Amino acid sequence: MSGIERIEKICQRVPDFKNLYNARVIHYIMKDHILNVYNQFEKYFEEDFIKSDVEIFKLFLLIHDIGKPIAYNKGEREKQYDETIELIIKYKADLDLSDEKSDII
């Protein structure tokens, strides 16, 4: 499954994320940035990962900056990680994240 297909699946589970993926932060659209990171992982690093860890890591790559547009719009860019963590915790059931997996963040 491609990165864009995975984002579409995430947005089906968490419709609130759709606007965040499509938000412009500074000079880029979040979805473009996130897909760039995701694609770089697949191209250069995926083969070095333990197979059982790849899927969860891909999910985290696809949501790693999801709170950035919220922080940016509030004028608090330094809180982008706080916003992301809050969203992951809020939607962890929708993302099928167990407590153990969400504790990674």
PDB file of N, CA and C in Angstrom:
ATOM      1  N   MET A   1       0.856  -1.179   0.000  1.00  0.00           N
ATOM      2  CA  MET A   1       0.000   0.000   0.000  1.00  0.00           C
ATOM      3  C   MET A   1       0.902   1.243   0.000  1.00  0.00           C
ATOM      4  N   SER A   2       0.564   2.185  -0.849  1.00  0.00           N
ATOM      5  CA  SER A   2       1.363   3.410  -0.955  1.00  0.00           C
ATOM      6  C   SER A   2       1.120   4.330   0.249  1.00  0.00           C
ATOM      7  N   GLY A   3       1.987   5.309   0.379  1.00  0.00           N
ATOM      8  CA  GLY A   3       1.836   6.286   1.453  1.00  0.00           C
ATOM      9  C   GLY A   3       0.534   7.062   1.343  1.00  0.00           C
ATOM     10  N   ILE A   4       0.178   7.458   0.131  1.00  0.00           N
ATOM     11  CA  ILE A   4      -1.061   8.227  -0.052  1.00  0.00           C
ATOM     12  C   ILE A   4      -2.267   7.360   0.289  1.00  0.00           C
ATOM     13  N   GLU A   5      -2.235   6.087  -0.068  1.00  0.00           N
ATOM     14  CA  GLU A   5      -3.329   5.174   0.290  1.00  0.00           C
ATOM     15  C   GLU A   5      -3.425   5.021   1.806  1.00  0.00           C
ATOM     16  N   ARG A   6      -2.292   4.982   2.447  1.00  0.00           N
ATOM     17  CA  ARG A   6      -2.279   4.871   3.911  1.00  0.00           C
ATOM     18  C   ARG A   6      -2.854   6.134   4.556  1.00  0.00           C
ATOM     19  N   ILE A   7      -2.515   7.292   4.016  1.00  0.00           N
ATOM     20  CA  ILE A   7      -3.076   8.542   4.542  1.00  0.00           C
ATOM     21  C   ILE A   7      -4.585   8.565   4.341  1.00  0.00           C
ATOM     22  N   GLU A   8      -5.050   8.120   3.199  1.00  0.00           N
ATOM     23  CA  GLU A   8      -6.496   8.063   2.949  1.00  0.00           C
ATOM     24  C   GLU A   8      -7.184   7.146   3.954  1.00  0.00           C
ATOM     25  N   LYS A   9      -6.559   6.028   4.257  1.00  0.00           N
ATOM     26  CA  LYS A   9      -7.110   5.094   5.246  1.00  0.00           C
ATOM     27  C   LYS A   9      -7.137   5.737   6.638  1.00  0.00           C
ATOM     28  N   ILE A  10      -6.069   6.444   6.990  1.00  0.00           N
ATOM     29  CA  ILE A  10      -6.024   7.145   8.274  1.00  0.00           C
ATOM     30  C   ILE A  10      -7.156   8.172   8.340  1.00  0.00           C
ATOM     31  N   CYS A  11      -7.356   8.915   7.259  1.00  0.00           N
ATOM     32  CA  CYS A  11      -8.409   9.942   7.228  1.00  0.00           C
ATOM     33  C   CYS A  11      -9.809   9.334   7.277  1.00  0.00           C
ATOM     34  N   GLN A  12      -9.977   8.131   6.783  1.00  0.00           N
ATOM     35  CA  GLN A  12     -11.265   7.443   6.923  1.00  0.00           C
ATOM     36  C   GLN A  12     -11.525   7.125   8.385  1.00  0.00           C
ATOM     37  N   ARG A  13     -10.489   6.744   9.092  1.00  0.00           N
ATOM     38  CA  ARG A  13     -10.616   6.408  10.513  1.00  0.00           C
ATOM     39  C   ARG A  13     -10.702   7.657  11.386  1.00  0.00           C
ATOM     40  N   VAL A  14      -9.980   8.704  10.987  1.00  0.00           N
ATOM     41  CA  VAL A  14      -9.930   9.950  11.754  1.00  0.00           C
ATOM     42  C   VAL A  14     -10.188  11.106  10.778  1.00  0.00           C
ATOM     43  N   PRO A  15     -11.451  11.387  10.483  1.00  0.00           N
ATOM     44  CA  PRO A  15     -11.767  12.448   9.516  1.00  0.00           C
ATOM     45  C   PRO A  15     -11.179  13.815   9.873  1.00  0.00           C
ATOM     46  N   ASP A  16     -10.973  14.091  11.152  1.00  0.00           N
ATOM     47  CA  ASP A  16     -10.385  15.366  11.566  1.00  0.00           C
ATOM     48  C   ASP A  16      -8.972  15.563  11.013  1.00  0.00           C
ATOM     49  N   PHE A  17      -8.299  14.497  10.643  1.00  0.00           N
ATOM     50  CA  PHE A  17      -6.937  14.605  10.134  1.00  0.00           C
ATOM     51  C   PHE A  17      -6.891  15.111   8.692  1.00  0.00           C
ATOM     52  N   LYS A  18      -7.987  14.975   7.952  1.00  0.00           N
ATOM     53  CA  LYS A  18      -7.972  15.348   6.534  1.00  0.00           C
ATOM     54  C   LYS A  18      -7.556  16.805   6.348  1.00  0.00           C
ATOM     55  N   ASN A  19      -8.159  17.712   7.103  1.00  0.00           N
ATOM     56  CA  ASN A  19      -7.808  19.130   6.994  1.00  0.00           C
ATOM     57  C   ASN A  19      -6.373  19.388   7.434  1.00  0.00           C
ATOM     58  N   LEU A  20      -5.888  18.627   8.405  1.00  0.00           N
ATOM     59  CA  LEU A  20      -4.516  18.815   8.875  1.00  0.00           C
ATOM     60  C   LEU A  20      -3.511  18.370   7.810  1.00  0.00           C
ATOM     61  N   TYR A  21      -3.787  17.264   7.149  1.00  0.00           N
ATOM     62  CA  TYR A  21      -2.905  16.817   6.061  1.00  0.00           C
ATOM     63  C   TYR A  21      -2.886  17.821   4.910  1.00  0.00           C
ATOM     64  N   ASN A  22      -4.005  18.478   4.678  1.00  0.00           N
ATOM     65  CA  ASN A  22      -4.100  19.420   3.557  1.00  0.00           C
ATOM     66  C   ASN A  22      -3.709  20.852   3.929  1.00  0.00           C
ATOM     67  N   ALA A  23      -3.341  21.067   5.179  1.00  0.00           N
ATOM     68  CA  ALA A  23      -2.981  22.410   5.639  1.00  0.00           C
ATOM     69  C   ALA A  23      -1.606  22.823   5.108  1.00  0.00           C
ATOM     70  N   ARG A  24      -1.491  24.098   4.851  1.00  0.00           N
ATOM     71  CA  ARG A  24      -0.204  24.667   4.447  1.00  0.00           C
ATOM     72  C   ARG A  24       0.483  25.216   5.694  1.00  0.00           C
ATOM     73  N   VAL A  25       1.719  24.793   5.880  1.00  0.00           N
ATOM     74  CA  VAL A  25       2.543  25.299   6.973  1.00  0.00           C
ATOM     75  C   VAL A  25       3.801  25.877   6.333  1.00  0.00           C
ATOM     76  N   ILE A  26       3.950  27.166   6.518  1.00  0.00           N
ATOM     77  CA  ILE A  26       5.030  27.920   5.897  1.00  0.00           C
ATOM     78  C   ILE A  26       4.912  27.774   4.372  1.00  0.00           C
ATOM     79  N   HIS A  27       5.779  27.009   3.744  1.00  0.00           N
ATOM     80  CA  HIS A  27       5.787  26.926   2.286  1.00  0.00           C
ATOM     81  C   HIS A  27       5.378  25.553   1.747  1.00  0.00           C
ATOM     82  N   TYR A  28       4.894  24.655   2.595  1.00  0.00           N
ATOM     83  CA  TYR A  28       4.551  23.321   2.116  1.00  0.00           C
ATOM     84  C   TYR A  28       3.223  22.832   2.688  1.00  0.00           C
ATOM     85  N   ILE A  29       2.625  21.902   1.963  1.00  0.00           N
ATOM     86  CA  ILE A  29       1.417  21.224   2.415  1.00  0.00           C
ATOM     87  C   ILE A  29       1.868  20.056   3.288  1.00  0.00           C
ATOM     88  N   MET A  30       1.244  19.881   4.419  1.00  0.00           N
ATOM     89  CA  MET A  30       1.663  18.845   5.363  1.00  0.00           C
ATOM     90  C   MET A  30       1.721  17.465   4.720  1.00  0.00           C
ATOM     91  N   LYS A  31       0.720  17.125   3.931  1.00  0.00           N
ATOM     92  CA  LYS A  31       0.696  15.805   3.298  1.00  0.00           C
ATOM     93  C   LYS A  31       1.948  15.601   2.446  1.00  0.00           C
ATOM     94  N   ASP A  32       2.368  16.628   1.736  1.00  0.00           N
ATOM     95  CA  ASP A  32       3.562  16.511   0.894  1.00  0.00           C
ATOM     96  C   ASP A  32       4.806  16.269   1.745  1.00  0.00           C
ATOM     97  N   HIS A  33       4.919  17.016   2.817  1.00  0.00           N
ATOM     98  CA  HIS A  33       6.064  16.836   3.725  1.00  0.00           C
ATOM     99  C   HIS A  33       6.076  15.431   4.318  1.00  0.00           C
ATOM    100  N   ILE A  34       4.936  15.009   4.817  1.00  0.00           N
ATOM    101  CA  ILE A  34       4.844  13.699   5.469  1.00  0.00           C
ATOM    102  C   ILE A  34       5.125  12.577   4.471  1.00  0.00           C
ATOM    103  N   LEU A  35       4.601  12.696   3.256  1.00  0.00           N
ATOM    104  CA  LEU A  35       4.870  11.677   2.235  1.00  0.00           C
ATOM    105  C   LEU A  35       6.338  11.660   1.844  1.00  0.00           C
ATOM    106  N   ASN A  36       6.979  12.811   1.836  1.00  0.00           N
ATOM    107  CA  ASN A  36       8.409  12.855   1.548  1.00  0.00           C
ATOM    108  C   ASN A  36       9.193  12.068   2.599  1.00  0.00           C
ATOM    109  N   VAL A  37       8.882  12.288   3.854  1.00  0.00           N
ATOM    110  CA  VAL A  37       9.546  11.560   4.938  1.00  0.00           C
ATOM    111  C   VAL A  37       9.285  10.064   4.797  1.00  0.00           C
ATOM    112  N   TYR A  38       8.021   9.708   4.581  1.00  0.00           N
ATOM    113  CA  TYR A  38       7.613   8.314   4.434  1.00  0.00           C
ATOM    114  C   TYR A  38       8.357   7.650   3.268  1.00  0.00           C
ATOM    115  N   ASN A  39       8.395   8.325   2.131  1.00  0.00           N
ATOM    116  CA  ASN A  39       9.057   7.762   0.951  1.00  0.00           C
ATOM    117  C   ASN A  39      10.559   7.604   1.150  1.00  0.00           C
ATOM    118  N   GLN A  40      11.170   8.533   1.865  1.00  0.00           N
ATOM    119  CA  GLN A  40      12.605   8.412   2.159  1.00  0.00           C
ATOM    120  C   GLN A  40      12.867   7.189   3.035  1.00  0.00           C
ATOM    121  N   PHE A  41      11.990   6.949   3.991  1.00  0.00           N
ATOM    122  CA  PHE A  41      12.129   5.756   4.834  1.00  0.00           C
ATOM    123  C   PHE A  41      12.040   4.499   3.978  1.00  0.00           C
ATOM    124  N   GLU A  42      11.011   4.425   3.126  1.00  0.00           N
ATOM    125  CA  GLU A  42      10.857   3.233   2.290  1.00  0.00           C
ATOM    126  C   GLU A  42      12.064   3.024   1.372  1.00  0.00           C
ATOM    127  N   LYS A  43      12.577   4.097   0.835  1.00  0.00           N
ATOM    128  CA  LYS A  43      13.674   4.001  -0.124  1.00  0.00           C
ATOM    129  C   LYS A  43      15.008   3.626   0.526  1.00  0.00           C
ATOM    130  N   TYR A  44      15.281   4.223   1.688  1.00  0.00           N
ATOM    131  CA  TYR A  44      16.619   4.080   2.257  1.00  0.00           C
ATOM    132  C   TYR A  44      16.733   3.244   3.533  1.00  0.00           C
ATOM    133  N   PHE A  45      15.666   3.120   4.305  1.00  0.00           N
ATOM    134  CA  PHE A  45      15.827   2.534   5.633  1.00  0.00           C
ATOM    135  C   PHE A  45      14.952   1.325   5.935  1.00  0.00           C
ATOM    136  N   GLU A  46      13.875   1.131   5.211  1.00  0.00           N
ATOM    137  CA  GLU A  46      12.934   0.068   5.556  1.00  0.00           C
ATOM    138  C   GLU A  46      13.587  -1.301   5.641  1.00  0.00           C
ATOM    139  N   GLU A  47      14.467  -1.590   4.725  1.00  0.00           N
ATOM    140  CA  GLU A  47      15.094  -2.920   4.701  1.00  0.00           C
ATOM    141  C   GLU A  47      15.956  -3.181   5.935  1.00  0.00           C
ATOM    142  N   ASP A  48      16.356  -2.139   6.638  1.00  0.00           N
ATOM    143  CA  ASP A  48      17.172  -2.301   7.841  1.00  0.00           C
ATOM    144  C   ASP A  48      16.343  -2.516   9.100  1.00  0.00           C
ATOM    145  N   PHE A  49      15.027  -2.377   8.989  1.00  0.00           N
ATOM    146  CA  PHE A  49      14.139  -2.533  10.140  1.00  0.00           C
ATOM    147  C   PHE A  49      13.724  -3.983  10.324  1.00  0.00           C
ATOM    148  N   ILE A  50      13.468  -4.332  11.556  1.00  0.00           N
ATOM    149  CA  ILE A  50      12.888  -5.639  11.853  1.00  0.00           C
ATOM    150  C   ILE A  50      11.496  -5.644  11.244  1.00  0.00           C
ATOM    151  N   LYS A  51      11.179  -6.673  10.498  1.00  0.00           N
ATOM    152  CA  LYS A  51       9.900  -6.749   9.767  1.00  0.00           C
ATOM    153  C   LYS A  51       8.703  -6.456  10.658  1.00  0.00           C
ATOM    154  N   SER A  52       8.717  -6.942  11.888  1.00  0.00           N
ATOM    155  CA  SER A  52       7.564  -6.759  12.777  1.00  0.00           C
ATOM    156  C   SER A  52       7.403  -5.305  13.231  1.00  0.00           C
ATOM    157  N   ASP A  53       8.426  -4.489  13.072  1.00  0.00           N
ATOM    158  CA  ASP A  53       8.370  -3.082  13.493  1.00  0.00           C
ATOM    159  C   ASP A  53       8.034  -2.121  12.355  1.00  0.00           C
ATOM    160  N   VAL A  54       8.094  -2.578  11.125  1.00  0.00           N
ATOM    161  CA  VAL A  54       7.942  -1.691   9.973  1.00  0.00           C
ATOM    162  C   VAL A  54       6.570  -1.025   9.932  1.00  0.00           C
ATOM    163  N   GLU A  55       5.502  -1.784  10.123  1.00  0.00           N
ATOM    164  CA  GLU A  55       4.161  -1.221   9.976  1.00  0.00           C
ATOM    165  C   GLU A  55       3.871  -0.135  11.015  1.00  0.00           C
ATOM    166  N   ILE A  56       4.232  -0.366  12.249  1.00  0.00           N
ATOM    167  CA  ILE A  56       3.971   0.642  13.285  1.00  0.00           C
ATOM    168  C   ILE A  56       4.836   1.870  13.032  1.00  0.00           C
ATOM    169  N   PHE A  57       6.060   1.673  12.573  1.00  0.00           N
ATOM    170  CA  PHE A  57       6.923   2.814  12.294  1.00  0.00           C
ATOM    171  C   PHE A  57       6.368   3.639  11.129  1.00  0.00           C
ATOM    172  N   LYS A  58       5.843   2.967  10.113  1.00  0.00           N
ATOM    173  CA  LYS A  58       5.237   3.684   8.990  1.00  0.00           C
ATOM    174  C   LYS A  58       4.050   4.520   9.459  1.00  0.00           C
ATOM    175  N   LEU A  59       3.236   3.957  10.351  1.00  0.00           N
ATOM    176  CA  LEU A  59       2.115   4.724  10.885  1.00  0.00           C
ATOM    177  C   LEU A  59       2.625   5.964  11.605  1.00  0.00           C
ATOM    178  N   PHE A  60       3.628   5.824  12.434  1.00  0.00           N
ATOM    179  CA  PHE A  60       4.158   6.985  13.151  1.00  0.00           C
ATOM    180  C   PHE A  60       4.761   8.014  12.194  1.00  0.00           C
ATOM    181  N   LEU A  61       5.388   7.566  11.129  1.00  0.00           N
ATOM    182  CA  LEU A  61       5.890   8.519  10.137  1.00  0.00           C
ATOM    183  C   LEU A  61       4.742   9.303   9.508  1.00  0.00           C
ATOM    184  N   LEU A  62       3.631   8.627   9.269  1.00  0.00           N
ATOM    185  CA  LEU A  62       2.492   9.271   8.611  1.00  0.00           C
ATOM    186  C   LEU A  62       1.720  10.210   9.526  1.00  0.00           C
ATOM    187  N   ILE A  63       1.962  10.124  10.827  1.00  0.00           N
ATOM    188  CA  ILE A  63       1.276  11.028  11.763  1.00  0.00           C
ATOM    189  C   ILE A  63       2.261  11.864  12.577  1.00  0.00           C
ATOM    190  N   HIS A  64       3.531  11.779  12.262  1.00  0.00           N
ATOM    191  CA  HIS A  64       4.556  12.405  13.107  1.00  0.00           C
ATOM    192  C   HIS A  64       4.435  13.921  13.234  1.00  0.00           C
ATOM    193  N   ASP A  65       3.862  14.598  12.259  1.00  0.00           N
ATOM    194  CA  ASP A  65       3.731  16.062  12.311  1.00  0.00           C
ATOM    195  C   ASP A  65       2.274  16.512  12.211  1.00  0.00           C
ATOM    196  N   ILE A  66       1.349  15.641  12.521  1.00  0.00           N
ATOM    197  CA  ILE A  66      -0.061  15.944  12.307  1.00  0.00           C
ATOM    198  C   ILE A  66      -0.530  17.154  13.137  1.00  0.00           C
ATOM    199  N   GLY A  67       0.121  17.442  14.244  1.00  0.00           N
ATOM    200  CA  GLY A  67      -0.260  18.585  15.074  1.00  0.00           C
ATOM    201  C   GLY A  67       0.406  19.896  14.682  1.00  0.00           C
ATOM    202  N   LYS A  68       1.335  19.840  13.750  1.00  0.00           N
ATOM    203  CA  LYS A  68       2.072  21.040  13.352  1.00  0.00           C
ATOM    204  C   LYS A  68       1.155  22.163  12.844  1.00  0.00           C
ATOM    205  N   PRO A  69       0.142  21.874  12.005  1.00  0.00           N
ATOM    206  CA  PRO A  69      -0.725  22.965  11.539  1.00  0.00           C
ATOM    207  C   PRO A  69      -1.489  23.649  12.676  1.00  0.00           C
ATOM    208  N   ILE A  70      -1.857  22.906  13.680  1.00  0.00           N
ATOM    209  CA  ILE A  70      -2.576  23.494  14.821  1.00  0.00           C
ATOM    210  C   ILE A  70      -1.663  24.471  15.548  1.00  0.00           C
ATOM    211  N   ALA A  71      -0.459  24.017  15.865  1.00  0.00           N
ATOM    212  CA  ALA A  71       0.498  24.884  16.563  1.00  0.00           C
ATOM    213  C   ALA A  71       0.841  26.105  15.714  1.00  0.00           C
ATOM    214  N   TYR A  72       1.045  25.901  14.437  1.00  0.00           N
ATOM    215  CA  TYR A  72       1.385  26.989  13.525  1.00  0.00           C
ATOM    216  C   TYR A  72       0.267  28.035  13.495  1.00  0.00           C
ATOM    217  N   ASN A  73      -0.972  27.574  13.399  1.00  0.00           N
ATOM    218  CA  ASN A  73      -2.110  28.499  13.349  1.00  0.00           C
ATOM    219  C   ASN A  73      -2.313  29.251  14.663  1.00  0.00           C
ATOM    220  N   LYS A  74      -1.876  28.666  15.756  1.00  0.00           N
ATOM    221  CA  LYS A  74      -1.946  29.342  17.051  1.00  0.00           C
ATOM    222  C   LYS A  74      -0.764  30.293  17.260  1.00  0.00           C
ATOM    223  N   GLY A  75       0.196  30.249  16.335  1.00  0.00           N
ATOM    224  CA  GLY A  75       1.391  31.065  16.502  1.00  0.00           C
ATOM    225  C   GLY A  75       2.338  30.494  17.542  1.00  0.00           C
ATOM    226  N   GLU A  76       2.232  29.196  17.775  1.00  0.00           N
ATOM    227  CA  GLU A  76       3.054  28.519  18.785  1.00  0.00           C
ATOM    228  C   GLU A  76       3.776  27.329  18.154  1.00  0.00           C
ATOM    229  N   ARG A  77       4.605  27.603  17.174  1.00  0.00           N
ATOM    230  CA  ARG A  77       5.284  26.518  16.455  1.00  0.00           C
ATOM    231  C   ARG A  77       6.086  25.611  17.374  1.00  0.00           C
ATOM    232  N   GLU A  78       6.561  26.163  18.473  1.00  0.00           N
ATOM    233  CA  GLU A  78       7.358  25.360  19.408  1.00  0.00           C
ATOM    234  C   GLU A  78       6.535  24.274  20.090  1.00  0.00           C
ATOM    235  N   LYS A  79       5.222  24.349  19.974  1.00  0.00           N
ATOM    236  CA  LYS A  79       4.350  23.349  20.610  1.00  0.00           C
ATOM    237  C   LYS A  79       3.829  22.313  19.611  1.00  0.00           C
ATOM    238  N   GLN A  80       4.463  22.225  18.448  1.00  0.00           N
ATOM    239  CA  GLN A  80       3.985  21.295  17.431  1.00  0.00           C
ATOM    240  C   GLN A  80       4.001  19.850  17.919  1.00  0.00           C
ATOM    241  N   TYR A  81       4.982  19.476  18.702  1.00  0.00           N
ATOM    242  CA  TYR A  81       5.053  18.096  19.174  1.00  0.00           C
ATOM    243  C   TYR A  81       3.999  17.836  20.243  1.00  0.00           C
ATOM    244  N   ASP A  82       3.742  18.821  21.075  1.00  0.00           N
ATOM    245  CA  ASP A  82       2.673  18.685  22.072  1.00  0.00           C
ATOM    246  C   ASP A  82       1.332  18.471  21.387  1.00  0.00           C
ATOM    247  N   GLU A  83       1.078  19.243  20.341  1.00  0.00           N
ATOM    248  CA  GLU A  83      -0.181  19.106  19.596  1.00  0.00           C
ATOM    249  C   GLU A  83      -0.274  17.726  18.941  1.00  0.00           C
ATOM    250  N   THR A  84       0.828  17.266  18.382  1.00  0.00           N
ATOM    251  CA  THR A  84       0.841  15.953  17.741  1.00  0.00           C
ATOM    252  C   THR A  84       0.573  14.854  18.757  1.00  0.00           C
ATOM    253  N   ILE A  85       1.229  14.922  19.880  1.00  0.00           N
ATOM    254  CA  ILE A  85       1.038  13.896  20.911  1.00  0.00           C
ATOM    255  C   ILE A  85      -0.398  13.895  21.408  1.00  0.00           C
ATOM    256  N   GLU A  86      -0.975  15.063  21.618  1.00  0.00           N
ATOM    257  CA  GLU A  86      -2.375  15.135  22.052  1.00  0.00           C
ATOM    258  C   GLU A  86      -3.299  14.471  21.047  1.00  0.00           C
ATOM    259  N   LEU A  87      -3.075  14.711  19.776  1.00  0.00           N
ATOM    260  CA  LEU A  87      -3.912  14.101  18.739  1.00  0.00           C
ATOM    261  C   LEU A  87      -3.743  12.587  18.697  1.00  0.00           C
ATOM    262  N   ILE A  88      -2.524  12.116  18.811  1.00  0.00           N
ATOM    263  CA  ILE A  88      -2.280  10.670  18.797  1.00  0.00           C
ATOM    264  C   ILE A  88      -2.967  10.011  19.983  1.00  0.00           C
ATOM    265  N   ILE A  89      -2.862  10.614  21.146  1.00  0.00           N
ATOM    266  CA  ILE A  89      -3.523  10.063  22.330  1.00  0.00           C
ATOM    267  C   ILE A  89      -5.040  10.094  22.158  1.00  0.00           C
ATOM    268  N   LYS A  90      -5.556  11.205  21.671  1.00  0.00           N
ATOM    269  CA  LYS A  90      -7.005  11.359  21.494  1.00  0.00           C
ATOM    270  C   LYS A  90      -7.567  10.312  20.527  1.00  0.00           C
ATOM    271  N   TYR A  91      -6.834  10.019  19.482  1.00  0.00           N
ATOM    272  CA  TYR A  91      -7.342   9.138  18.429  1.00  0.00           C
ATOM    273  C   TYR A  91      -6.660   7.764  18.406  1.00  0.00           C
ATOM    274  N   LYS A  92      -6.003   7.386  19.473  1.00  0.00           N
ATOM    275  CA  LYS A  92      -5.249   6.134  19.431  1.00  0.00           C
ATOM    276  C   LYS A  92      -6.139   4.924  19.170  1.00  0.00           C
ATOM    277  N   ALA A  93      -7.342   4.916  19.668  1.00  0.00           N
ATOM    278  CA  ALA A  93      -8.242   3.786  19.389  1.00  0.00           C
ATOM    279  C   ALA A  93      -8.608   3.747  17.909  1.00  0.00           C
ATOM    280  N   ASP A  94      -8.885   4.910  17.321  1.00  0.00           N
ATOM    281  CA  ASP A  94      -9.218   4.973  15.898  1.00  0.00           C
ATOM    282  C   ASP A  94      -8.032   4.565  15.018  1.00  0.00           C
ATOM    283  N   LEU A  95      -6.844   4.778  15.522  1.00  0.00           N
ATOM    284  CA  LEU A  95      -5.623   4.426  14.793  1.00  0.00           C
ATOM    285  C   LEU A  95      -5.152   3.007  15.099  1.00  0.00           C
ATOM    286  N   ASP A  96      -5.917   2.305  15.917  1.00  0.00           N
ATOM    287  CA  ASP A  96      -5.573   0.939  16.346  1.00  0.00           C
ATOM    288  C   ASP A  96      -4.230   0.880  17.065  1.00  0.00           C
ATOM    289  N   LEU A  97      -3.980   1.879  17.903  1.00  0.00           N
ATOM    290  CA  LEU A  97      -2.752   1.903  18.691  1.00  0.00           C
ATOM    291  C   LEU A  97      -3.041   1.393  20.093  1.00  0.00           C
ATOM    292  N   SER A  98      -2.357   0.357  20.470  1.00  0.00           N
ATOM    293  CA  SER A  98      -2.470  -0.132  21.834  1.00  0.00           C
ATOM    294  C   SER A  98      -1.748   0.836  22.759  1.00  0.00           C
ATOM    295  N   ASP A  99      -1.979   0.687  24.057  1.00  0.00           N
ATOM    296  CA  ASP A  99      -1.269   1.538  25.014  1.00  0.00           C
ATOM    297  C   ASP A  99       0.246   1.339  24.867  1.00  0.00           C
ATOM    298  N   GLU A 100       0.645   0.112  24.651  1.00  0.00           N
ATOM    299  CA  GLU A 100       2.071  -0.179  24.502  1.00  0.00           C
ATOM    300  C   GLU A 100       2.671   0.535  23.292  1.00  0.00           C
ATOM    301  N   LYS A 101       1.963   0.508  22.166  1.00  0.00           N
ATOM    302  CA  LYS A 101       2.469   1.157  20.963  1.00  0.00           C
ATOM    303  C   LYS A 101       2.408   2.674  21.070  1.00  0.00           C
ATOM    304  N   SER A 102       1.357   3.206  21.706  1.00  0.00           N
ATOM    305  CA  SER A 102       1.266   4.653  21.808  1.00  0.00           C
ATOM    306  C   SER A 102       2.232   5.194  22.849  1.00  0.00           C
ATOM    307  N   ASP A 103       2.729   4.373  23.733  1.00  0.00           N
ATOM    308  CA  ASP A 103       3.725   4.820  24.710  1.00  0.00           C
ATOM    309  C   ASP A 103       5.074   5.122  24.043  1.00  0.00           C
ATOM    310  N   ILE A 104       5.251   4.652  22.832  1.00  0.00           N
ATOM    311  CA  ILE A 104       6.483   4.928  22.090  1.00  0.00           C
ATOM    312  C   ILE A 104       6.663   6.424  21.898  1.00  0.00           C
ATOM    313  N   ILE A 105       5.535   7.133  21.741  1.00  0.00           N
ATOM    314  CA  ILE A 105       5.616   8.556  21.505  1.00  0.00           C
ATOM    315  C   ILE A 105       6.085   9.243  22.767  1.00  0.00           C
TER     316      ILE A 105
END
